[in-house]
Amino acid sequence: MRKPKMVRDSFTMPKAEYAVIEALKARATQAGRPAKKSELLRAGIKLLEALAAPALIQALDSLPAIKTGRPAKG
């Protein structure tokens, strides 16, 4: 079986939402299954993929709008 081709990417998100990743990593570790950030993001994508279109739109609409791009240095 061939290994899947990997893609490297970057993204912007609010600090509070990024902190949830660390909290989820801690929860997974406490539950006996340490997880990497990429695993949590991939698991979240699988969950979103399983949603019906109205539920997906509702999840997207629940997010605050953010300015994309790299944060200013300083």
PDB file of N, CA and C in Angstrom:
ATOM      1  N   MET A   1       0.843  -1.179   0.000  1.00  0.00           N
ATOM      2  CA  MET A   1       0.000   0.000   0.000  1.00  0.00           C
ATOM      3  C   MET A   1       0.889   1.243   0.000  1.00  0.00           C
ATOM      4  N   ARG A   2       0.582   2.178  -0.872  1.00  0.00           N
ATOM      5  CA  ARG A   2       1.369   3.402  -0.972  1.00  0.00           C
ATOM      6  C   ARG A   2       0.975   4.388   0.112  1.00  0.00           C
ATOM      7  N   LYS A   3       1.970   5.118   0.586  1.00  0.00           N
ATOM      8  CA  LYS A   3       1.700   6.143   1.585  1.00  0.00           C
ATOM      9  C   LYS A   3       0.976   7.303   0.913  1.00  0.00           C
ATOM     10  N   PRO A   4      -0.019   7.887   1.600  1.00  0.00           N
ATOM     11  CA  PRO A   4      -0.711   9.031   0.993  1.00  0.00           C
ATOM     12  C   PRO A   4       0.221  10.227   0.888  1.00  0.00           C
ATOM     13  N   LYS A   5       0.039  11.023  -0.149  1.00  0.00           N
ATOM     14  CA  LYS A   5       0.840  12.228  -0.331  1.00  0.00           C
ATOM     15  C   LYS A   5       0.409  13.259   0.707  1.00  0.00           C
ATOM     16  N   MET A   6       1.363  13.882   1.355  1.00  0.00           N
ATOM     17  CA  MET A   6       1.077  14.862   2.397  1.00  0.00           C
ATOM     18  C   MET A   6       1.096  16.273   1.820  1.00  0.00           C
ATOM     19  N   VAL A   7       0.302  17.141   2.413  1.00  0.00           N
ATOM     20  CA  VAL A   7       0.239  18.547   2.028  1.00  0.00           C
ATOM     21  C   VAL A   7       0.512  19.373   3.267  1.00  0.00           C
ATOM     22  N   ARG A   8       1.379  20.354   3.149  1.00  0.00           N
ATOM     23  CA  ARG A   8       1.689  21.245   4.257  1.00  0.00           C
ATOM     24  C   ARG A   8       0.984  22.567   3.995  1.00  0.00           C
ATOM     25  N   ASP A   9       0.365  23.129   5.045  1.00  0.00           N
ATOM     26  CA  ASP A   9      -0.407  24.353   4.884  1.00  0.00           C
ATOM     27  C   ASP A   9      -0.312  25.164   6.164  1.00  0.00           C
ATOM     28  N   SER A  10      -0.778  26.408   6.096  1.00  0.00           N
ATOM     29  CA  SER A  10      -0.854  27.241   7.292  1.00  0.00           C
ATOM     30  C   SER A  10      -2.195  27.948   7.286  1.00  0.00           C
ATOM     31  N   PHE A  11      -2.599  28.442   8.444  1.00  0.00           N
ATOM     32  CA  PHE A  11      -3.897  29.085   8.565  1.00  0.00           C
ATOM     33  C   PHE A  11      -3.862  30.076   9.710  1.00  0.00           C
ATOM     34  N   THR A  12      -4.883  30.900   9.784  1.00  0.00           N
ATOM     35  CA  THR A  12      -5.009  31.897  10.840  1.00  0.00           C
ATOM     36  C   THR A  12      -6.267  31.610  11.629  1.00  0.00           C
ATOM     37  N   MET A  13      -6.173  31.716  12.970  1.00  0.00           N
ATOM     38  CA  MET A  13      -7.356  31.545  13.799  1.00  0.00           C
ATOM     39  C   MET A  13      -7.186  32.383  15.062  1.00  0.00           C
ATOM     40  N   PRO A  14      -8.302  32.754  15.687  1.00  0.00           N
ATOM     41  CA  PRO A  14      -8.213  33.520  16.933  1.00  0.00           C
ATOM     42  C   PRO A  14      -7.485  32.733  18.019  1.00  0.00           C
ATOM     43  N   LYS A  15      -6.766  33.458  18.884  1.00  0.00           N
ATOM     44  CA  LYS A  15      -6.004  32.819  19.966  1.00  0.00           C
ATOM     45  C   LYS A  15      -6.871  31.923  20.833  1.00  0.00           C
ATOM     46  N   ALA A  16      -8.088  32.370  21.139  1.00  0.00           N
ATOM     47  CA  ALA A  16      -8.976  31.590  22.004  1.00  0.00           C
ATOM     48  C   ALA A  16      -9.308  30.242  21.366  1.00  0.00           C
ATOM     49  N   GLU A  17      -9.523  30.229  20.071  1.00  0.00           N
ATOM     50  CA  GLU A  17      -9.824  28.968  19.382  1.00  0.00           C
ATOM     51  C   GLU A  17      -8.572  28.104  19.301  1.00  0.00           C
ATOM     52  N   TYR A  18      -7.421  28.724  19.110  1.00  0.00           N
ATOM     53  CA  TYR A  18      -6.168  27.971  19.067  1.00  0.00           C
ATOM     54  C   TYR A  18      -5.893  27.313  20.418  1.00  0.00           C
ATOM     55  N   ALA A  19      -6.254  28.013  21.503  1.00  0.00           N
ATOM     56  CA  ALA A  19      -6.062  27.463  22.846  1.00  0.00           C
ATOM     57  C   ALA A  19      -6.893  26.199  23.052  1.00  0.00           C
ATOM     58  N   VAL A  20      -7.996  26.082  22.347  1.00  0.00           N
ATOM     59  CA  VAL A  20      -8.835  24.882  22.453  1.00  0.00           C
ATOM     60  C   VAL A  20      -8.059  23.654  21.971  1.00  0.00           C
ATOM     61  N   ILE A  21      -7.181  23.850  21.003  1.00  0.00           N
ATOM     62  CA  ILE A  21      -6.372  22.729  20.524  1.00  0.00           C
ATOM     63  C   ILE A  21      -5.518  22.176  21.663  1.00  0.00           C
ATOM     64  N   GLU A  22      -4.881  23.068  22.417  1.00  0.00           N
ATOM     65  CA  GLU A  22      -4.065  22.618  23.553  1.00  0.00           C
ATOM     66  C   GLU A  22      -4.931  21.922  24.606  1.00  0.00           C
ATOM     67  N   ALA A  23      -6.124  22.458  24.851  1.00  0.00           N
ATOM     68  CA  ALA A  23      -7.030  21.832  25.824  1.00  0.00           C
ATOM     69  C   ALA A  23      -7.454  20.441  25.351  1.00  0.00           C
ATOM     70  N   LEU A  24      -7.705  20.300  24.063  1.00  0.00           N
ATOM     71  CA  LEU A  24      -8.084  18.992  23.525  1.00  0.00           C
ATOM     72  C   LEU A  24      -6.915  18.013  23.587  1.00  0.00           C
ATOM     73  N   LYS A  25      -5.709  18.496  23.339  1.00  0.00           N
ATOM     74  CA  LYS A  25      -4.524  17.644  23.464  1.00  0.00           C
ATOM     75  C   LYS A  25      -4.397  17.137  24.896  1.00  0.00           C
ATOM     76  N   ALA A  26      -4.632  18.022  25.869  1.00  0.00           N
ATOM     77  CA  ALA A  26      -4.552  17.626  27.277  1.00  0.00           C
ATOM     78  C   ALA A  26      -5.632  16.606  27.615  1.00  0.00           C
ATOM     79  N   ARG A  27      -6.859  16.826  27.110  1.00  0.00           N
ATOM     80  CA  ARG A  27      -7.944  15.873  27.365  1.00  0.00           C
ATOM     81  C   ARG A  27      -7.629  14.510  26.790  1.00  0.00           C
ATOM     82  N   ALA A  28      -7.084  14.495  25.576  1.00  0.00           N
ATOM     83  CA  ALA A  28      -6.742  13.220  24.946  1.00  0.00           C
ATOM     84  C   ALA A  28      -5.667  12.498  25.751  1.00  0.00           C
ATOM     85  N   THR A  29      -4.679  13.247  26.225  1.00  0.00           N
ATOM     86  CA  THR A  29      -3.615  12.648  27.033  1.00  0.00           C
ATOM     87  C   THR A  29      -4.180  12.085  28.328  1.00  0.00           C
ATOM     88  N   GLN A  30      -5.066  12.843  28.991  1.00  0.00           N
ATOM     89  CA  GLN A  30      -5.690  12.353  30.224  1.00  0.00           C
ATOM     90  C   GLN A  30      -6.508  11.096  29.977  1.00  0.00           C
ATOM     91  N   ALA A  31      -7.087  10.996  28.798  1.00  0.00           N
ATOM     92  CA  ALA A  31      -7.898   9.825  28.456  1.00  0.00           C
ATOM     93  C   ALA A  31      -7.035   8.647  28.004  1.00  0.00           C
ATOM     94  N   GLY A  32      -5.712   8.849  27.999  1.00  0.00           N
ATOM     95  CA  GLY A  32      -4.822   7.750  27.652  1.00  0.00           C
ATOM     96  C   GLY A  32      -4.474   7.659  26.183  1.00  0.00           C
ATOM     97  N   ARG A  33      -4.826   8.672  25.410  1.00  0.00           N
ATOM     98  CA  ARG A  33      -4.520   8.663  23.975  1.00  0.00           C
ATOM     99  C   ARG A  33      -3.952  10.028  23.576  1.00  0.00           C
ATOM    100  N   PRO A  34      -2.653  10.248  23.806  1.00  0.00           N
ATOM    101  CA  PRO A  34      -2.068  11.521  23.387  1.00  0.00           C
ATOM    102  C   PRO A  34      -2.332  11.778  21.905  1.00  0.00           C
ATOM    103  N   ALA A  35      -2.527  13.044  21.554  1.00  0.00           N
ATOM    104  CA  ALA A  35      -2.838  13.400  20.170  1.00  0.00           C
ATOM    105  C   ALA A  35      -2.002  14.593  19.745  1.00  0.00           C
ATOM    106  N   LYS A  36      -1.637  14.601  18.493  1.00  0.00           N
ATOM    107  CA  LYS A  36      -0.928  15.736  17.901  1.00  0.00           C
ATOM    108  C   LYS A  36      -1.957  16.730  17.379  1.00  0.00           C
ATOM    109  N   LYS A  37      -1.519  17.971  17.222  1.00  0.00           N
ATOM    110  CA  LYS A  37      -2.397  19.012  16.689  1.00  0.00           C
ATOM    111  C   LYS A  37      -2.981  18.584  15.342  1.00  0.00           C
ATOM    112  N   SER A  38      -2.148  18.033  14.470  1.00  0.00           N
ATOM    113  CA  SER A  38      -2.640  17.637  13.148  1.00  0.00           C
ATOM    114  C   SER A  38      -3.692  16.540  13.248  1.00  0.00           C
ATOM    115  N   GLU A  39      -3.557  15.643  14.231  1.00  0.00           N
ATOM    116  CA  GLU A  39      -4.567  14.594  14.408  1.00  0.00           C
ATOM    117  C   GLU A  39      -5.905  15.200  14.824  1.00  0.00           C
ATOM    118  N   LEU A  40      -5.859  16.185  15.719  1.00  0.00           N
ATOM    119  CA  LEU A  40      -7.103  16.829  16.157  1.00  0.00           C
ATOM    120  C   LEU A  40      -7.778  17.556  15.003  1.00  0.00           C
ATOM    121  N   LEU A  41      -6.993  18.250  14.196  1.00  0.00           N
ATOM    122  CA  LEU A  41      -7.568  18.960  13.046  1.00  0.00           C
ATOM    123  C   LEU A  41      -8.147  17.971  12.036  1.00  0.00           C
ATOM    124  N   ARG A  42      -7.442  16.882  11.800  1.00  0.00           N
ATOM    125  CA  ARG A  42      -7.948  15.878  10.861  1.00  0.00           C
ATOM    126  C   ARG A  42      -9.217  15.217  11.384  1.00  0.00           C
ATOM    127  N   ALA A  43      -9.273  14.954  12.706  1.00  0.00           N
ATOM    128  CA  ALA A  43     -10.479  14.362  13.295  1.00  0.00           C
ATOM    129  C   ALA A  43     -11.652  15.336  13.162  1.00  0.00           C
ATOM    130  N   GLY A  44     -11.389  16.620  13.390  1.00  0.00           N
ATOM    131  CA  GLY A  44     -12.442  17.628  13.234  1.00  0.00           C
ATOM    132  C   GLY A  44     -12.963  17.682  11.810  1.00  0.00           C
ATOM    133  N   ILE A  45     -12.075  17.570  10.844  1.00  0.00           N
ATOM    134  CA  ILE A  45     -12.487  17.572   9.434  1.00  0.00           C
ATOM    135  C   ILE A  45     -13.356  16.359   9.132  1.00  0.00           C
ATOM    136  N   LYS A  46     -12.990  15.199   9.681  1.00  0.00           N
ATOM    137  CA  LYS A  46     -13.818  13.997   9.476  1.00  0.00           C
ATOM    138  C   LYS A  46     -15.219  14.196  10.049  1.00  0.00           C
ATOM    139  N   LEU A  47     -15.296  14.826  11.228  1.00  0.00           N
ATOM    140  CA  LEU A  47     -16.606  15.084  11.828  1.00  0.00           C
ATOM    141  C   LEU A  47     -17.420  16.054  10.976  1.00  0.00           C
ATOM    142  N   LEU A  48     -16.780  17.106  10.474  1.00  0.00           N
ATOM    143  CA  LEU A  48     -17.479  18.059   9.608  1.00  0.00           C
ATOM    144  C   LEU A  48     -17.929  17.398   8.307  1.00  0.00           C
ATOM    145  N   GLU A  49     -17.090  16.532   7.782  1.00  0.00           N
ATOM    146  CA  GLU A  49     -17.419  15.839   6.535  1.00  0.00           C
ATOM    147  C   GLU A  49     -18.700  15.012   6.674  1.00  0.00           C
ATOM    148  N   ALA A  50     -18.943  14.488   7.866  1.00  0.00           N
ATOM    149  CA  ALA A  50     -20.102  13.630   8.097  1.00  0.00           C
ATOM    150  C   ALA A  50     -21.405  14.420   8.278  1.00  0.00           C
ATOM    151  N   LEU A  51     -21.306  15.735   8.445  1.00  0.00           N
ATOM    152  CA  LEU A  51     -22.507  16.544   8.661  1.00  0.00           C
ATOM    153  C   LEU A  51     -23.305  16.714   7.380  1.00  0.00           C
ATOM    154  N   ALA A  52     -24.613  16.785   7.536  1.00  0.00           N
ATOM    155  CA  ALA A  52     -25.466  17.164   6.412  1.00  0.00           C
ATOM    156  C   ALA A  52     -25.213  18.635   6.105  1.00  0.00           C
ATOM    157  N   ALA A  53     -25.517  19.065   4.887  1.00  0.00           N
ATOM    158  CA  ALA A  53     -25.239  20.439   4.455  1.00  0.00           C
ATOM    159  C   ALA A  53     -25.795  21.498   5.415  1.00  0.00           C
ATOM    160  N   PRO A  54     -27.045  21.374   5.892  1.00  0.00           N
ATOM    161  CA  PRO A  54     -27.549  22.415   6.807  1.00  0.00           C
ATOM    162  C   PRO A  54     -26.749  22.504   8.105  1.00  0.00           C
ATOM    163  N   ALA A  55     -26.319  21.371   8.639  1.00  0.00           N
ATOM    164  CA  ALA A  55     -25.532  21.373   9.869  1.00  0.00           C
ATOM    165  C   ALA A  55     -24.137  21.948   9.612  1.00  0.00           C
ATOM    166  N   LEU A  56     -23.576  21.668   8.449  1.00  0.00           N
ATOM    167  CA  LEU A  56     -22.275  22.228   8.088  1.00  0.00           C
ATOM    168  C   LEU A  56     -22.373  23.751   7.990  1.00  0.00           C
ATOM    169  N   ILE A  57     -23.408  24.236   7.324  1.00  0.00           N
ATOM    170  CA  ILE A  57     -23.601  25.681   7.190  1.00  0.00           C
ATOM    171  C   ILE A  57     -23.802  26.317   8.561  1.00  0.00           C
ATOM    172  N   GLN A  58     -24.546  25.667   9.432  1.00  0.00           N
ATOM    173  CA  GLN A  58     -24.765  26.186  10.780  1.00  0.00           C
ATOM    174  C   GLN A  58     -23.442  26.276  11.540  1.00  0.00           C
ATOM    175  N   ALA A  59     -22.604  25.254  11.416  1.00  0.00           N
ATOM    176  CA  ALA A  59     -21.299  25.269  12.081  1.00  0.00           C
ATOM    177  C   ALA A  59     -20.432  26.399  11.538  1.00  0.00           C
ATOM    178  N   LEU A  60     -20.433  26.575  10.226  1.00  0.00           N
ATOM    179  CA  LEU A  60     -19.647  27.654   9.624  1.00  0.00           C
ATOM    180  C   LEU A  60     -20.172  29.022  10.026  1.00  0.00           C
ATOM    181  N   ASP A  61     -21.490  29.172  10.058  1.00  0.00           N
ATOM    182  CA  ASP A  61     -22.089  30.451  10.429  1.00  0.00           C
ATOM    183  C   ASP A  61     -21.852  30.798  11.899  1.00  0.00           C
ATOM    184  N   SER A  62     -21.537  29.803  12.725  1.00  0.00           N
ATOM    185  CA  SER A  62     -21.305  30.068  14.147  1.00  0.00           C
ATOM    186  C   SER A  62     -19.921  30.658  14.406  1.00  0.00           C
ATOM    187  N   LEU A  63     -19.066  30.640  13.397  1.00  0.00           N
ATOM    188  CA  LEU A  63     -17.714  31.174  13.556  1.00  0.00           C
ATOM    189  C   LEU A  63     -17.702  32.687  13.370  1.00  0.00           C
ATOM    190  N   PRO A  64     -16.954  33.402  14.203  1.00  0.00           N
ATOM    191  CA  PRO A  64     -16.814  34.842  13.969  1.00  0.00           C
ATOM    192  C   PRO A  64     -15.955  35.078  12.733  1.00  0.00           C
ATOM    193  N   ALA A  65     -16.229  36.143  12.010  1.00  0.00           N
ATOM    194  CA  ALA A  65     -15.421  36.491  10.834  1.00  0.00           C
ATOM    195  C   ALA A  65     -14.053  36.967  11.320  1.00  0.00           C
ATOM    196  N   ILE A  66     -13.010  36.552  10.603  1.00  0.00           N
ATOM    197  CA  ILE A  66     -11.662  37.002  10.952  1.00  0.00           C
ATOM    198  C   ILE A  66     -10.973  37.492   9.686  1.00  0.00           C
ATOM    199  N   LYS A  67      -9.997  38.347   9.888  1.00  0.00           N
ATOM    200  CA  LYS A  67      -9.171  38.806   8.782  1.00  0.00           C
ATOM    201  C   LYS A  67      -8.128  37.738   8.531  1.00  0.00           C
ATOM    202  N   THR A  68      -8.034  37.266   7.311  1.00  0.00           N
ATOM    203  CA  THR A  68      -7.074  36.214   7.006  1.00  0.00           C
ATOM    204  C   THR A  68      -5.717  36.812   6.684  1.00  0.00           C
ATOM    205  N   GLY A  69      -4.711  35.987   6.656  1.00  0.00           N
ATOM    206  CA  GLY A  69      -3.363  36.433   6.361  1.00  0.00           C
ATOM    207  C   GLY A  69      -2.498  36.372   7.608  1.00  0.00           C
ATOM    208  N   ARG A  70      -1.275  36.725   7.444  1.00  0.00           N
ATOM    209  CA  ARG A  70      -0.321  36.688   8.549  1.00  0.00           C
ATOM    210  C   ARG A  70      -0.548  37.869   9.476  1.00  0.00           C
ATOM    211  N   PRO A  71      -0.439  37.628  10.809  1.00  0.00           N
ATOM    212  CA  PRO A  71      -0.574  38.742  11.751  1.00  0.00           C
ATOM    213  C   PRO A  71       0.592  39.716  11.605  1.00  0.00           C
ATOM    214  N   ALA A  72       0.362  40.956  11.946  1.00  0.00           N
ATOM    215  CA  ALA A  72       1.414  41.974  11.877  1.00  0.00           C
ATOM    216  C   ALA A  72       2.524  41.638  12.858  1.00  0.00           C
ATOM    217  N   LYS A  73       3.751  41.905  12.472  1.00  0.00           N
ATOM    218  CA  LYS A  73       4.887  41.669  13.370  1.00  0.00           C
ATOM    219  C   LYS A  73       4.932  42.790  14.393  1.00  0.00           C
ATOM    220  N   GLY A  74       5.308  42.414  15.601  1.00  0.00           N
ATOM    221  CA  GLY A  74       5.441  43.479  16.587  1.00  0.00           C
ATOM    222  C   GLY A  74       5.041  43.071  17.893  1.00  0.00           C
TER     223      GLY A  74
END
